[in-house]
Amino acid sequence: MSANDSRTRRFLSAGSMTTKILLGVSLVFLISLMLPRGSTFNFAIEVGDIWNADDVIAPFTFPILRDPTAVQAEIDSATLPPLP
C-alpha cells in the first residue's frame, strides 16, 4: 500500500468530516471569487417602449427579416405630412 492510498483512505473515512467541510467551504468561497460581479442593467424597459438611452450596438451582424410591403407602408406613412 502506497502513501497515496493511505491518504485517500483517510480522506474518505468518517473521521475526516471536518476536512471535507473545510474543503467544501473553501471551494465555494474560491468559486464565488471567480464569478463576475458585472454591472447591473438599471433600466425598466418593456415591449413597445421607446429607447431613450445611448445606442445599443451588437457585437455581431444579423439580418432583420421583414416583409418588403410592410417596410414600404411604413416609409409611405412616415413621409405623409402631419395632421393639423
Protein backbone atom coordinates (compact mmCIF):
# COMPACT_ATOMS: atom_id res chain seq x y z
CA MET A 1 0.00 0.00 0.00
CA SER A 2 1.47 3.33 -1.02
CA ALA A 3 1.33 6.64 0.84
CA ASN A 4 -1.26 7.98 -1.63
CA ASP A 5 -3.63 5.11 -0.90
CA SER A 6 -3.31 5.75 2.83
CA ARG A 7 -4.12 9.46 2.43
CA THR A 8 -7.05 8.69 0.16
CA ARG A 9 -8.50 6.19 2.62
CA ARG A 10 -8.03 8.65 5.48
CA PHE A 11 -9.77 11.41 3.49
CA LEU A 12 -12.70 9.16 2.65
CA SER A 13 -13.12 7.88 6.20
CA ALA A 14 -15.80 9.26 8.52
CA GLY A 15 -13.18 10.80 10.82
CA SER A 16 -12.23 13.41 8.25
CA MET A 17 -15.63 15.13 8.17
CA THR A 18 -14.13 18.46 9.26
CA THR A 19 -11.62 18.23 6.42
CA LYS A 20 -14.43 17.64 3.93
CA ILE A 21 -16.48 20.53 5.27
CA LEU A 22 -13.47 22.83 5.24
CA LEU A 23 -12.66 21.80 1.66
CA GLY A 24 -16.27 22.35 0.57
CA VAL A 25 -16.48 25.80 2.16
CA SER A 26 -13.11 26.74 0.65
CA LEU A 27 -14.23 25.66 -2.81
CA VAL A 28 -17.48 27.62 -2.56
CA PHE A 29 -15.54 30.71 -1.46
CA LEU A 30 -12.96 30.40 -4.25
CA ILE A 31 -15.61 29.84 -6.91
CA SER A 32 -17.59 32.85 -5.70
CA LEU A 33 -14.44 34.97 -6.03
CA MET A 34 -14.06 33.87 -9.66
CA LEU A 35 -17.61 34.74 -10.68
CA PRO A 36 -18.07 38.12 -12.39
CA ARG A 37 -19.56 40.98 -10.45
CA GLY A 38 -20.62 42.84 -13.61
CA SER A 39 -22.74 45.94 -13.69
CA THR A 40 -26.47 45.75 -13.47
CA PHE A 41 -28.95 46.92 -16.06
CA ASN A 42 -30.67 49.88 -14.41
CA PHE A 43 -33.43 50.36 -16.96
CA ALA A 44 -37.05 49.28 -16.72
CA ILE A 45 -37.82 48.55 -20.37
CA GLU A 46 -40.99 46.85 -21.56
CA VAL A 47 -42.03 45.68 -25.00
CA GLY A 48 -43.14 48.66 -27.09
CA ASP A 49 -41.25 51.31 -25.09
CA ILE A 50 -39.06 53.87 -26.85
CA TRP A 51 -35.32 53.57 -26.15
CA ASN A 52 -34.11 56.92 -24.72
CA ALA A 53 -30.57 55.95 -23.68
CA ASP A 54 -27.41 55.74 -25.80
CA ASP A 55 -27.42 53.48 -28.83
CA VAL A 56 -27.09 49.77 -28.24
CA ILE A 57 -24.67 48.19 -30.70
CA ALA A 58 -24.50 44.42 -31.10
CA PRO A 59 -21.03 42.85 -31.35
CA PHE A 60 -22.20 40.90 -34.42
CA THR A 61 -24.35 41.46 -37.50
CA PHE A 62 -27.72 39.87 -38.02
CA PRO A 63 -30.43 40.19 -40.66
CA ILE A 64 -33.73 41.89 -39.91
CA LEU A 65 -36.25 39.85 -41.84
CA ARG A 66 -39.29 41.96 -42.71
CA ASP A 67 -41.87 41.88 -45.43
CA PRO A 68 -40.94 44.44 -48.13
CA THR A 69 -44.56 45.60 -48.43
CA ALA A 70 -44.69 46.35 -44.68
CA VAL A 71 -41.44 48.30 -44.94
CA GLN A 72 -42.78 50.32 -47.86
CA ALA A 73 -46.04 51.00 -45.98
CA GLU A 74 -44.07 52.37 -43.01
CA ILE A 75 -41.97 54.56 -45.31
CA ASP A 76 -45.10 55.89 -47.02
CA SER A 77 -46.81 56.67 -43.70
CA ALA A 78 -43.67 58.41 -42.39
CA THR A 79 -43.47 60.67 -45.44
CA LEU A 80 -47.10 61.85 -45.15
CA PRO A 81 -47.50 65.41 -43.89
CA PRO A 82 -48.62 65.67 -40.26
CA LEU A 83 -52.26 66.33 -39.49
CA PRO A 84 -53.04 69.90 -38.34
